[in-house]
Amino acid sequence: MKILITGVAGFIGSSLARKLLKNKKIIIHGIDNFDPYTSKKFQNLRLKDLKKNKNFKFQKIDIRNFTVIKNFFKKNTFDYVYHFAASVGVRYSLVNPKKYVSNNIVGFFNLIENIKHNPPQNFFFASSSSVYGESKKFPLEENQKLKPINVYSYSKKSNEEMARIYSNLYNMNFIGLRFFTVFGEWGRPDMFFLKLLKAINNKQTFYLNNSGYHFRDFTYIGDIVKILEKMLYLKNQNKFEVFNICSNKPYKLSRIINYVTAKLGSLKIKNIPINKADVIKTHGNNKLIKKRLKSINFTKIESSMDNTIKWFRKNKKFI
């Protein structure tokens, strides 16, 4: 089985590759452009771990370059594609929205336009819980109206709409993955949980938006990669589908902080106003993905945090 993972040096991409490479019948081709939003040192650390496996092949490719992508697919065909290459971070989309249009919308188009004549069995792509916007109806369900409130969330909604069009025009199979607050080992240093661990470890002030009055549907990376692996064997699918990938259990940020500080020690907190890119609450309904894949058990939040803390202690010098 030959699988392409774009954004393979990123959090979810590298974690999935590590999981799939345990199956000796799978060959992973990974591409990435080493976006400077995450330190190249940390991205190389992820890749170094993957390159230990002989079934892992890597090429540095920027999906924004149409010609390069065209030539890449002339030389390669894949059974499955997992697309994670994109600009991340809701807040930074307020600073540099052009980058999100270029990476997330144009880059997505370049991929599916060049793969349409020889498509994989399934094209999985990362969407986001942010497509729902600031909702008052919870838990969020896949059939709800989408109301993106920033360019990042708009770019993910655009990907879903483009995929739906291409699925109809070119008989391609697309599965959109609406991820909810993914965290865990090898995570993004700019996200809440690793920022929290780093602040405690370095005795730094932790800047807390809105006094921690946010609720997040934290979803453990270990559960994410199990779900994505199971999706390889999805039965009776439609040409285009989207799934919430979430634990269906929102937690207040202050509760997370209290758990971690009880484990690691005190934290100096400075409360700052809410960021206008943020929503107060995310809480997804995961009934659809559980029904389709069956036998999905989500890791308890305490165990997920403990695993991440243990990993951080071993790797904190790189973060």
C-alpha atoms as a PDB file:
ATOM      1  CA  MET A   1       0.000   0.000   0.000  1.00  0.00           C
ATOM      2  CA  LYS A   2       1.425   3.360  -1.066  1.00  0.00           C
ATOM      3  CA  ILE A   3       0.324   6.434   0.872  1.00  0.00           C
ATOM      4  CA  LEU A   4       1.124  10.132   0.465  1.00  0.00           C
ATOM      5  CA  ILE A   5       1.113  12.380   3.529  1.00  0.00           C
ATOM      6  CA  THR A   6       1.460  16.112   2.873  1.00  0.00           C
ATOM      7  CA  GLY A   7       2.723  18.241   5.733  1.00  0.00           C
ATOM      8  CA  VAL A   8       4.544  15.177   7.022  1.00  0.00           C
ATOM      9  CA  ALA A   9       6.887  17.250   9.204  1.00  0.00           C
ATOM     10  CA  GLY A  10       3.887  18.696  11.021  1.00  0.00           C
ATOM     11  CA  PHE A  11       2.153  17.481  14.175  1.00  0.00           C
ATOM     12  CA  ILE A  12      -0.634  15.295  12.781  1.00  0.00           C
ATOM     13  CA  GLY A  13       1.217  14.302   9.609  1.00  0.00           C
ATOM     14  CA  SER A  14       4.303  13.022  11.412  1.00  0.00           C
ATOM     15  CA  SER A  15       2.232  11.289  14.095  1.00  0.00           C
ATOM     16  CA  LEU A  16       0.154   9.451  11.480  1.00  0.00           C
ATOM     17  CA  ALA A  17       3.244   8.443   9.505  1.00  0.00           C
ATOM     18  CA  ARG A  18       4.824   7.033  12.669  1.00  0.00           C
ATOM     19  CA  LYS A  19       1.695   5.000  13.332  1.00  0.00           C
ATOM     20  CA  LEU A  20       1.255   3.662   9.779  1.00  0.00           C
ATOM     21  CA  LEU A  21       4.912   2.726   9.383  1.00  0.00           C
ATOM     22  CA  LYS A  22       4.421   0.036  12.023  1.00  0.00           C
ATOM     23  CA  ASN A  23       2.706  -1.868   9.211  1.00  0.00           C
ATOM     24  CA  LYS A  24       5.516  -3.226   7.021  1.00  0.00           C
ATOM     25  CA  LYS A  25       3.148  -3.480   4.043  1.00  0.00           C
ATOM     26  CA  ILE A  26       2.725   0.303   3.938  1.00  0.00           C
ATOM     27  CA  ILE A  27       5.113   2.672   2.151  1.00  0.00           C
ATOM     28  CA  ILE A  28       4.800   6.327   3.152  1.00  0.00           C
ATOM     29  CA  HIS A  29       5.796   9.158   0.822  1.00  0.00           C
ATOM     30  CA  GLY A  30       5.915  12.419   2.744  1.00  0.00           C
ATOM     31  CA  ILE A  31       6.220  15.965   1.453  1.00  0.00           C
ATOM     32  CA  ASP A  32       6.673  19.239   3.339  1.00  0.00           C
ATOM     33  CA  ASN A  33       8.025  22.743   2.725  1.00  0.00           C
ATOM     34  CA  PHE A  34       9.227  23.415   6.307  1.00  0.00           C
ATOM     35  CA  ASP A  35       6.969  26.381   6.977  1.00  0.00           C
ATOM     36  CA  PRO A  36       8.810  28.690   9.411  1.00  0.00           C
ATOM     37  CA  TYR A  37       5.707  29.084  11.609  1.00  0.00           C
ATOM     38  CA  THR A  38       7.006  26.006  13.462  1.00  0.00           C
ATOM     39  CA  SER A  39      10.757  25.889  14.065  1.00  0.00           C
ATOM     40  CA  LYS A  40      12.691  23.959  11.426  1.00  0.00           C
ATOM     41  CA  LYS A  41      14.673  22.330  14.220  1.00  0.00           C
ATOM     42  CA  PHE A  42      11.524  20.768  15.659  1.00  0.00           C
ATOM     43  CA  GLN A  43      10.247  19.717  12.225  1.00  0.00           C
ATOM     44  CA  ASN A  44      13.597  18.070  11.478  1.00  0.00           C
ATOM     45  CA  LEU A  45      13.386  16.252  14.800  1.00  0.00           C
ATOM     46  CA  ARG A  46      10.084  14.723  13.738  1.00  0.00           C
ATOM     47  CA  LEU A  47      11.498  13.760  10.338  1.00  0.00           C
ATOM     48  CA  LYS A  48      14.647  12.271  11.833  1.00  0.00           C
ATOM     49  CA  ASP A  49      12.467   9.890  13.805  1.00  0.00           C
ATOM     50  CA  LEU A  50      10.536   8.872  10.657  1.00  0.00           C
ATOM     51  CA  LYS A  51      13.601   8.400   8.491  1.00  0.00           C
ATOM     52  CA  LYS A  52      14.708   5.509  10.692  1.00  0.00           C
ATOM     53  CA  ASN A  53      12.145   3.422   8.792  1.00  0.00           C
ATOM     54  CA  LYS A  54      13.164   2.224   5.320  1.00  0.00           C
ATOM     55  CA  ASN A  55       9.551   2.436   4.120  1.00  0.00           C
ATOM     56  CA  PHE A  56       9.527   6.208   4.568  1.00  0.00           C
ATOM     57  CA  LYS A  57      10.387   8.424   1.575  1.00  0.00           C
ATOM     58  CA  PHE A  58      10.641  12.210   1.860  1.00  0.00           C
ATOM     59  CA  GLN A  59      10.754  15.102  -0.603  1.00  0.00           C
ATOM     60  CA  LYS A  60      10.834  18.795   0.157  1.00  0.00           C
ATOM     61  CA  ILE A  61       7.953  20.194  -1.894  1.00  0.00           C
ATOM     62  CA  ASP A  62       5.865  23.352  -1.634  1.00  0.00           C
ATOM     63  CA  ILE A  63       2.276  22.659  -2.675  1.00  0.00           C
ATOM     64  CA  ARG A  64       1.886  26.277  -3.773  1.00  0.00           C
ATOM     65  CA  ASN A  65       4.092  25.530  -6.801  1.00  0.00           C
ATOM     66  CA  PHE A  66       1.697  24.177  -9.426  1.00  0.00           C
ATOM     67  CA  THR A  67       4.412  22.987 -11.816  1.00  0.00           C
ATOM     68  CA  VAL A  68       6.309  21.084  -9.138  1.00  0.00           C
ATOM     69  CA  ILE A  69       3.106  19.394  -7.951  1.00  0.00           C
ATOM     70  CA  LYS A  70       2.174  18.521 -11.541  1.00  0.00           C
ATOM     71  CA  ASN A  71       5.553  16.856 -12.123  1.00  0.00           C
ATOM     72  CA  PHE A  72       5.353  15.063  -8.776  1.00  0.00           C
ATOM     73  CA  PHE A  73       2.056  13.380  -9.670  1.00  0.00           C
ATOM     74  CA  LYS A  74       3.291  12.520 -13.160  1.00  0.00           C
ATOM     75  CA  LYS A  75       5.932  10.360 -11.497  1.00  0.00           C
ATOM     76  CA  ASN A  76       3.883   9.051  -8.560  1.00  0.00           C
ATOM     77  CA  THR A  77       0.504   7.484  -7.929  1.00  0.00           C
ATOM     78  CA  PHE A  78      -0.926   6.641  -4.528  1.00  0.00           C
ATOM     79  CA  ASP A  79      -3.542   4.359  -3.048  1.00  0.00           C
ATOM     80  CA  TYR A  80      -4.424   6.970  -0.423  1.00  0.00           C
ATOM     81  CA  VAL A  81      -3.603  10.610   0.267  1.00  0.00           C
ATOM     82  CA  TYR A  82      -3.688  12.320   3.662  1.00  0.00           C
ATOM     83  CA  HIS A  83      -3.449  16.076   3.163  1.00  0.00           C
ATOM     84  CA  PHE A  84      -2.246  18.061   6.185  1.00  0.00           C
ATOM     85  CA  ALA A  85       0.013  20.667   4.527  1.00  0.00           C
ATOM     86  CA  ALA A  86      -1.454  24.053   5.438  1.00  0.00           C
ATOM     87  CA  SER A  87      -0.863  27.239   7.356  1.00  0.00           C
ATOM     88  CA  VAL A  88      -1.990  26.648  10.930  1.00  0.00           C
ATOM     89  CA  GLY A  89      -2.939  28.887  13.819  1.00  0.00           C
ATOM     90  CA  VAL A  90      -6.201  30.790  13.905  1.00  0.00           C
ATOM     91  CA  ARG A  91      -4.649  33.885  15.487  1.00  0.00           C
ATOM     92  CA  TYR A  92      -1.836  34.280  12.989  1.00  0.00           C
ATOM     93  CA  SER A  93      -4.420  34.363  10.191  1.00  0.00           C
ATOM     94  CA  LEU A  94      -5.303  37.864  11.439  1.00  0.00           C
ATOM     95  CA  VAL A  95      -1.684  38.921  10.985  1.00  0.00           C
ATOM     96  CA  ASN A  96      -0.959  37.360   7.597  1.00  0.00           C
ATOM     97  CA  PRO A  97      -4.215  36.324   5.885  1.00  0.00           C
ATOM     98  CA  LYS A  98      -2.564  36.231   2.441  1.00  0.00           C
ATOM     99  CA  LYS A  99      -0.433  33.296   3.548  1.00  0.00           C
ATOM    100  CA  TYR A 100      -3.547  31.283   4.442  1.00  0.00           C
ATOM    101  CA  VAL A 101      -5.155  31.940   1.089  1.00  0.00           C
ATOM    102  CA  SER A 102      -1.967  30.900  -0.712  1.00  0.00           C
ATOM    103  CA  ASN A 103      -1.147  27.786   1.340  1.00  0.00           C
ATOM    104  CA  ASN A 104      -4.585  26.539   2.259  1.00  0.00           C
ATOM    105  CA  ILE A 105      -6.720  27.403  -0.748  1.00  0.00           C
ATOM    106  CA  VAL A 106      -4.323  27.643  -3.709  1.00  0.00           C
ATOM    107  CA  GLY A 107      -2.202  24.763  -2.383  1.00  0.00           C
ATOM    108  CA  PHE A 108      -5.275  22.569  -1.956  1.00  0.00           C
ATOM    109  CA  PHE A 109      -6.412  23.355  -5.500  1.00  0.00           C
ATOM    110  CA  ASN A 110      -2.967  22.500  -6.903  1.00  0.00           C
ATOM    111  CA  LEU A 111      -3.114  19.062  -5.295  1.00  0.00           C
ATOM    112  CA  ILE A 112      -6.588  17.986  -6.343  1.00  0.00           C
ATOM    113  CA  GLU A 113      -6.329  19.506  -9.816  1.00  0.00           C
ATOM    114  CA  ASN A 114      -3.217  17.469 -10.524  1.00  0.00           C
ATOM    115  CA  ILE A 115      -4.482  14.244  -9.020  1.00  0.00           C
ATOM    116  CA  LYS A 116      -7.964  14.240 -10.556  1.00  0.00           C
ATOM    117  CA  HIS A 117      -7.109  12.080 -13.596  1.00  0.00           C
ATOM    118  CA  ASN A 118      -5.486   9.365 -11.485  1.00  0.00           C
ATOM    119  CA  PRO A 119      -7.099   9.770  -8.076  1.00  0.00           C
ATOM    120  CA  PRO A 120      -6.385   7.692  -4.960  1.00  0.00           C
ATOM    121  CA  GLN A 121      -9.022   5.434  -3.446  1.00  0.00           C
ATOM    122  CA  ASN A 122      -9.569   8.140  -0.826  1.00  0.00           C
ATOM    123  CA  PHE A 123      -8.301  11.686  -0.413  1.00  0.00           C
ATOM    124  CA  PHE A 124      -8.397  12.585   3.290  1.00  0.00           C
ATOM    125  CA  PHE A 125      -7.905  16.243   4.178  1.00  0.00           C
ATOM    126  CA  ALA A 126      -7.693  18.301   7.341  1.00  0.00           C
ATOM    127  CA  SER A 127     -10.566  20.621   7.986  1.00  0.00           C
ATOM    128  CA  SER A 128     -11.186  22.201  11.380  1.00  0.00           C
ATOM    129  CA  SER A 129     -13.725  22.753  14.121  1.00  0.00           C
ATOM    130  CA  SER A 130     -13.242  26.466  13.414  1.00  0.00           C
ATOM    131  CA  VAL A 131     -15.540  26.188  10.372  1.00  0.00           C
ATOM    132  CA  TYR A 132     -18.510  26.243  12.778  1.00  0.00           C
ATOM    133  CA  GLY A 133     -17.633  29.690  14.088  1.00  0.00           C
ATOM    134  CA  GLU A 134     -19.096  31.011  17.328  1.00  0.00           C
ATOM    135  CA  SER A 135     -22.029  28.646  17.761  1.00  0.00           C
ATOM    136  CA  LYS A 136     -24.578  28.508  20.565  1.00  0.00           C
ATOM    137  CA  LYS A 137     -25.803  25.035  19.698  1.00  0.00           C
ATOM    138  CA  PHE A 138     -23.790  22.160  21.173  1.00  0.00           C
ATOM    139  CA  PRO A 139     -22.552  19.607  20.523  1.00  0.00           C
ATOM    140  CA  LEU A 140     -21.662  20.699  17.019  1.00  0.00           C
ATOM    141  CA  GLU A 141     -22.872  18.341  14.297  1.00  0.00           C
ATOM    142  CA  GLU A 142     -21.584  17.844  10.767  1.00  0.00           C
ATOM    143  CA  ASN A 143     -24.841  19.016   9.150  1.00  0.00           C
ATOM    144  CA  GLN A 144     -24.891  22.392  10.908  1.00  0.00           C
ATOM    145  CA  LYS A 145     -24.476  25.604   8.940  1.00  0.00           C
ATOM    146  CA  LEU A 146     -20.853  26.724   8.806  1.00  0.00           C
ATOM    147  CA  LYS A 147     -20.005  30.275   9.909  1.00  0.00           C
ATOM    148  CA  PRO A 148     -16.227  30.897   9.731  1.00  0.00           C
ATOM    149  CA  ILE A 149     -15.102  34.062  11.524  1.00  0.00           C
ATOM    150  CA  ASN A 150     -11.535  34.424  10.202  1.00  0.00           C
ATOM    151  CA  VAL A 151      -9.478  33.652   7.101  1.00  0.00           C
ATOM    152  CA  TYR A 152      -8.127  30.405   8.561  1.00  0.00           C
ATOM    153  CA  SER A 153     -11.594  28.955   9.149  1.00  0.00           C
ATOM    154  CA  TYR A 154     -12.769  30.317   5.797  1.00  0.00           C
ATOM    155  CA  SER A 155      -9.886  28.527   4.066  1.00  0.00           C
ATOM    156  CA  LYS A 156     -10.979  25.225   5.614  1.00  0.00           C
ATOM    157  CA  LYS A 157     -14.587  25.768   4.579  1.00  0.00           C
ATOM    158  CA  SER A 158     -13.329  26.559   1.079  1.00  0.00           C
ATOM    159  CA  ASN A 159     -11.431  23.242   1.008  1.00  0.00           C
ATOM    160  CA  GLU A 160     -14.610  21.368   1.866  1.00  0.00           C
ATOM    161  CA  GLU A 161     -16.579  23.138  -0.850  1.00  0.00           C
ATOM    162  CA  MET A 162     -13.853  22.582  -3.460  1.00  0.00           C
ATOM    163  CA  ALA A 163     -13.622  18.894  -2.542  1.00  0.00           C
ATOM    164  CA  ARG A 164     -17.381  18.490  -2.890  1.00  0.00           C
ATOM    165  CA  ILE A 165     -17.254  20.017  -6.383  1.00  0.00           C
ATOM    166  CA  TYR A 166     -14.353  17.821  -7.515  1.00  0.00           C
ATOM    167  CA  SER A 167     -15.991  14.709  -6.113  1.00  0.00           C
ATOM    168  CA  ASN A 168     -18.993  15.360  -8.356  1.00  0.00           C
ATOM    169  CA  LEU A 169     -17.073  16.415 -11.447  1.00  0.00           C
ATOM    170  CA  TYR A 170     -14.308  13.817 -11.428  1.00  0.00           C
ATOM    171  CA  ASN A 171     -15.733  10.907  -9.443  1.00  0.00           C
ATOM    172  CA  MET A 172     -13.186  11.343  -6.633  1.00  0.00           C
ATOM    173  CA  ASN A 173     -13.589  10.212  -3.033  1.00  0.00           C
ATOM    174  CA  PHE A 174     -12.975  12.904  -0.410  1.00  0.00           C
ATOM    175  CA  ILE A 175     -13.171  12.674   3.373  1.00  0.00           C
ATOM    176  CA  GLY A 176     -12.932  15.923   5.346  1.00  0.00           C
ATOM    177  CA  LEU A 177     -11.609  15.725   8.896  1.00  0.00           C
ATOM    178  CA  ARG A 178     -12.871  18.441  11.236  1.00  0.00           C
ATOM    179  CA  PHE A 179     -10.253  18.265  13.985  1.00  0.00           C
ATOM    180  CA  PHE A 180     -11.004  19.636  17.439  1.00  0.00           C
ATOM    181  CA  THR A 181      -8.073  20.948  19.565  1.00  0.00           C
ATOM    182  CA  VAL A 182      -5.585  18.175  18.922  1.00  0.00           C
ATOM    183  CA  PHE A 183      -2.826  17.805  21.532  1.00  0.00           C
ATOM    184  CA  GLY A 184      -0.268  15.281  22.683  1.00  0.00           C
ATOM    185  CA  GLU A 185       3.257  14.035  22.033  1.00  0.00           C
ATOM    186  CA  TRP A 186       5.167  15.815  19.242  1.00  0.00           C
ATOM    187  CA  GLY A 187       2.547  18.572  19.373  1.00  0.00           C
ATOM    188  CA  ARG A 188       2.730  22.134  18.113  1.00  0.00           C
ATOM    189  CA  PRO A 189       4.768  24.345  20.459  1.00  0.00           C
ATOM    190  CA  ASP A 190       2.476  27.310  19.704  1.00  0.00           C
ATOM    191  CA  MET A 191      -0.639  25.572  21.023  1.00  0.00           C
ATOM    192  CA  PHE A 192      -2.092  25.881  24.513  1.00  0.00           C
ATOM    193  CA  PHE A 193      -0.938  22.641  26.124  1.00  0.00           C
ATOM    194  CA  LEU A 194       2.745  22.728  25.182  1.00  0.00           C
ATOM    195  CA  LYS A 195       2.888  26.473  25.842  1.00  0.00           C
ATOM    196  CA  LEU A 196       1.570  25.726  29.319  1.00  0.00           C
ATOM    197  CA  LEU A 197       4.191  23.024  29.962  1.00  0.00           C
ATOM    198  CA  LYS A 198       6.964  25.242  28.647  1.00  0.00           C
ATOM    199  CA  ALA A 199       5.910  28.190  30.839  1.00  0.00           C
ATOM    200  CA  ILE A 200       5.936  26.039  33.978  1.00  0.00           C
ATOM    201  CA  ASN A 201       9.263  24.411  33.103  1.00  0.00           C
ATOM    202  CA  ASN A 202      10.975  27.729  32.285  1.00  0.00           C
ATOM    203  CA  LYS A 203       9.264  29.645  35.100  1.00  0.00           C
ATOM    204  CA  GLN A 204       7.826  32.080  32.582  1.00  0.00           C
ATOM    205  CA  THR A 205       4.658  34.135  32.825  1.00  0.00           C
ATOM    206  CA  PHE A 206       1.753  32.394  31.112  1.00  0.00           C
ATOM    207  CA  TYR A 207      -0.536  34.802  29.256  1.00  0.00           C
ATOM    208  CA  LEU A 208      -4.082  33.535  29.617  1.00  0.00           C
ATOM    209  CA  ASN A 209      -6.779  34.861  27.323  1.00  0.00           C
ATOM    210  CA  ASN A 210     -10.146  35.746  28.816  1.00  0.00           C
ATOM    211  CA  SER A 211      -9.094  34.515  32.293  1.00  0.00           C
ATOM    212  CA  GLY A 212      -9.223  30.958  31.011  1.00  0.00           C
ATOM    213  CA  TYR A 213     -12.952  31.130  30.362  1.00  0.00           C
ATOM    214  CA  HIS A 214     -12.769  28.962  27.264  1.00  0.00           C
ATOM    215  CA  PHE A 215     -13.981  25.416  26.748  1.00  0.00           C
ATOM    216  CA  ARG A 216     -12.122  23.155  24.359  1.00  0.00           C
ATOM    217  CA  ASP A 217     -12.908  19.687  23.064  1.00  0.00           C
ATOM    218  CA  PHE A 218      -9.361  18.392  23.607  1.00  0.00           C
ATOM    219  CA  THR A 219      -8.635  15.396  21.372  1.00  0.00           C
ATOM    220  CA  TYR A 220      -5.586  13.257  22.021  1.00  0.00           C
ATOM    221  CA  ILE A 221      -3.199  12.628  19.112  1.00  0.00           C
ATOM    222  CA  GLY A 222      -3.036   8.930  19.993  1.00  0.00           C
ATOM    223  CA  ASP A 223      -6.777   8.681  19.355  1.00  0.00           C
ATOM    224  CA  ILE A 224      -6.511  10.776  16.193  1.00  0.00           C
ATOM    225  CA  VAL A 225      -3.999   8.458  14.514  1.00  0.00           C
ATOM    226  CA  LYS A 226      -5.997   5.356  15.465  1.00  0.00           C
ATOM    227  CA  ILE A 227      -9.052   6.879  13.797  1.00  0.00           C
ATOM    228  CA  LEU A 228      -7.106   7.893  10.684  1.00  0.00           C
ATOM    229  CA  GLU A 229      -5.641   4.408  10.378  1.00  0.00           C
ATOM    230  CA  LYS A 230      -9.076   2.799  10.695  1.00  0.00           C
ATOM    231  CA  MET A 231     -10.321   5.102   7.940  1.00  0.00           C
ATOM    232  CA  LEU A 232      -8.160   3.250   5.441  1.00  0.00           C
ATOM    233  CA  TYR A 233     -10.690   0.446   5.691  1.00  0.00           C
ATOM    234  CA  LEU A 234     -13.859   2.544   5.720  1.00  0.00           C
ATOM    235  CA  LYS A 235     -16.798   0.772   4.100  1.00  0.00           C
ATOM    236  CA  ASN A 236     -19.850   2.030   2.200  1.00  0.00           C
ATOM    237  CA  GLN A 237     -18.672   5.588   1.978  1.00  0.00           C
ATOM    238  CA  ASN A 238     -20.108   8.407  -0.072  1.00  0.00           C
ATOM    239  CA  LYS A 239     -18.085  10.313  -2.655  1.00  0.00           C
ATOM    240  CA  PHE A 240     -17.801  13.223  -0.250  1.00  0.00           C
ATOM    241  CA  GLU A 241     -18.076  13.060   3.534  1.00  0.00           C
ATOM    242  CA  VAL A 242     -16.975  15.097   6.538  1.00  0.00           C
ATOM    243  CA  PHE A 243     -16.504  13.899  10.099  1.00  0.00           C
ATOM    244  CA  ASN A 244     -15.985  15.589  13.426  1.00  0.00           C
ATOM    245  CA  ILE A 245     -12.794  14.165  14.917  1.00  0.00           C
ATOM    246  CA  CYS A 246     -13.243  14.925  18.581  1.00  0.00           C
ATOM    247  CA  SER A 247     -13.653  13.439  22.044  1.00  0.00           C
ATOM    248  CA  ASN A 248     -17.108  15.001  22.601  1.00  0.00           C
ATOM    249  CA  LYS A 249     -15.931  16.193  26.042  1.00  0.00           C
ATOM    250  CA  PRO A 250     -15.147  19.906  26.377  1.00  0.00           C
ATOM    251  CA  TYR A 251     -12.982  21.056  29.288  1.00  0.00           C
ATOM    252  CA  LYS A 252     -12.545  24.519  30.722  1.00  0.00           C
ATOM    253  CA  LEU A 253      -8.966  25.734  30.309  1.00  0.00           C
ATOM    254  CA  SER A 254      -8.669  26.566  33.993  1.00  0.00           C
ATOM    255  CA  ARG A 255      -9.348  22.907  34.828  1.00  0.00           C
ATOM    256  CA  ILE A 256      -6.516  21.825  32.540  1.00  0.00           C
ATOM    257  CA  ILE A 257      -4.190  24.371  34.140  1.00  0.00           C
ATOM    258  CA  ASN A 258      -5.068  23.165  37.640  1.00  0.00           C
ATOM    259  CA  TYR A 259      -4.349  19.542  36.716  1.00  0.00           C
ATOM    260  CA  VAL A 260      -0.990  20.324  35.144  1.00  0.00           C
ATOM    261  CA  THR A 261       0.217  22.652  37.909  1.00  0.00           C
ATOM    262  CA  ALA A 262      -0.688  20.029  40.499  1.00  0.00           C
ATOM    263  CA  LYS A 263       1.690  17.699  38.637  1.00  0.00           C
ATOM    264  CA  LEU A 264       4.485  20.085  37.718  1.00  0.00           C
ATOM    265  CA  GLY A 265       4.393  23.025  40.105  1.00  0.00           C
ATOM    266  CA  SER A 266       3.201  26.601  40.290  1.00  0.00           C
ATOM    267  CA  LEU A 267       2.577  28.939  37.398  1.00  0.00           C
ATOM    268  CA  LYS A 268       2.573  32.696  37.186  1.00  0.00           C
ATOM    269  CA  ILE A 269      -0.482  33.731  35.169  1.00  0.00           C
ATOM    270  CA  LYS A 270      -1.257  37.080  33.586  1.00  0.00           C
ATOM    271  CA  ASN A 271      -4.804  37.457  32.332  1.00  0.00           C
ATOM    272  CA  ILE A 272      -5.243  39.221  28.987  1.00  0.00           C
ATOM    273  CA  PRO A 273      -8.343  40.053  26.916  1.00  0.00           C
ATOM    274  CA  ILE A 274      -9.933  37.525  24.612  1.00  0.00           C
ATOM    275  CA  ASN A 275      -8.366  37.304  21.164  1.00  0.00           C
ATOM    276  CA  LYS A 276     -10.865  38.246  18.453  1.00  0.00           C
ATOM    277  CA  ALA A 277      -9.892  35.142  16.461  1.00  0.00           C
ATOM    278  CA  ASP A 278     -11.009  32.853  19.308  1.00  0.00           C
ATOM    279  CA  VAL A 279     -14.376  31.314  20.048  1.00  0.00           C
ATOM    280  CA  ILE A 280     -15.504  30.691  23.624  1.00  0.00           C
ATOM    281  CA  LYS A 281     -16.365  27.028  23.205  1.00  0.00           C
ATOM    282  CA  THR A 282     -15.757  24.055  20.978  1.00  0.00           C
ATOM    283  CA  HIS A 283     -17.692  20.852  21.554  1.00  0.00           C
ATOM    284  CA  GLY A 284     -18.201  18.393  18.746  1.00  0.00           C
ATOM    285  CA  ASN A 285     -20.578  15.475  18.410  1.00  0.00           C
ATOM    286  CA  ASN A 286     -18.556  12.376  17.485  1.00  0.00           C
ATOM    287  CA  LYS A 287     -21.483   9.987  16.998  1.00  0.00           C
ATOM    288  CA  LEU A 288     -21.060   9.879  13.221  1.00  0.00           C
ATOM    289  CA  ILE A 289     -17.421   8.769  13.207  1.00  0.00           C
ATOM    290  CA  LYS A 290     -18.057   6.275  16.030  1.00  0.00           C
ATOM    291  CA  LYS A 291     -20.977   4.813  14.090  1.00  0.00           C
ATOM    292  CA  ARG A 292     -18.994   4.486  10.859  1.00  0.00           C
ATOM    293  CA  LEU A 293     -15.804   3.051  12.320  1.00  0.00           C
ATOM    294  CA  LYS A 294     -17.187   1.223  15.355  1.00  0.00           C
ATOM    295  CA  SER A 295     -15.124   0.198  18.388  1.00  0.00           C
ATOM    296  CA  ILE A 296     -13.534   3.621  18.976  1.00  0.00           C
ATOM    297  CA  ASN A 297     -12.499   4.228  22.568  1.00  0.00           C
ATOM    298  CA  PHE A 298     -11.187   7.660  23.444  1.00  0.00           C
ATOM    299  CA  THR A 299      -8.364   8.029  25.954  1.00  0.00           C
ATOM    300  CA  LYS A 300      -9.267   9.704  29.248  1.00  0.00           C
ATOM    301  CA  ILE A 301      -8.103  13.316  29.378  1.00  0.00           C
ATOM    302  CA  GLU A 302      -5.971  12.661  32.472  1.00  0.00           C
ATOM    303  CA  SER A 303      -4.091   9.823  30.774  1.00  0.00           C
ATOM    304  CA  SER A 304      -3.638  11.940  27.640  1.00  0.00           C
ATOM    305  CA  MET A 305      -2.153  14.777  29.668  1.00  0.00           C
ATOM    306  CA  ASP A 306       0.085  12.399  31.634  1.00  0.00           C
ATOM    307  CA  ASN A 307       1.432  10.891  28.404  1.00  0.00           C
ATOM    308  CA  THR A 308       2.148  14.342  27.004  1.00  0.00           C
ATOM    309  CA  ILE A 309       3.853  15.503  30.192  1.00  0.00           C
ATOM    310  CA  LYS A 310       6.057  12.396  30.182  1.00  0.00           C
ATOM    311  CA  TRP A 311       7.040  13.035  26.554  1.00  0.00           C
ATOM    312  CA  PHE A 312       7.698  16.724  27.278  1.00  0.00           C
ATOM    313  CA  ARG A 313      10.087  15.912  30.107  1.00  0.00           C
ATOM    314  CA  LYS A 314      12.198  13.855  27.689  1.00  0.00           C
ATOM    315  CA  ASN A 315      12.099  16.382  24.843  1.00  0.00           C
ATOM    316  CA  LYS A 316      11.759  19.816  26.479  1.00  0.00           C
ATOM    317  CA  LYS A 317      15.190  20.951  25.281  1.00  0.00           C
ATOM    318  CA  PHE A 318      13.841  20.946  21.707  1.00  0.00           C
ATOM    319  CA  ILE A 319      10.705  22.994  22.431  1.00  0.00           C
END
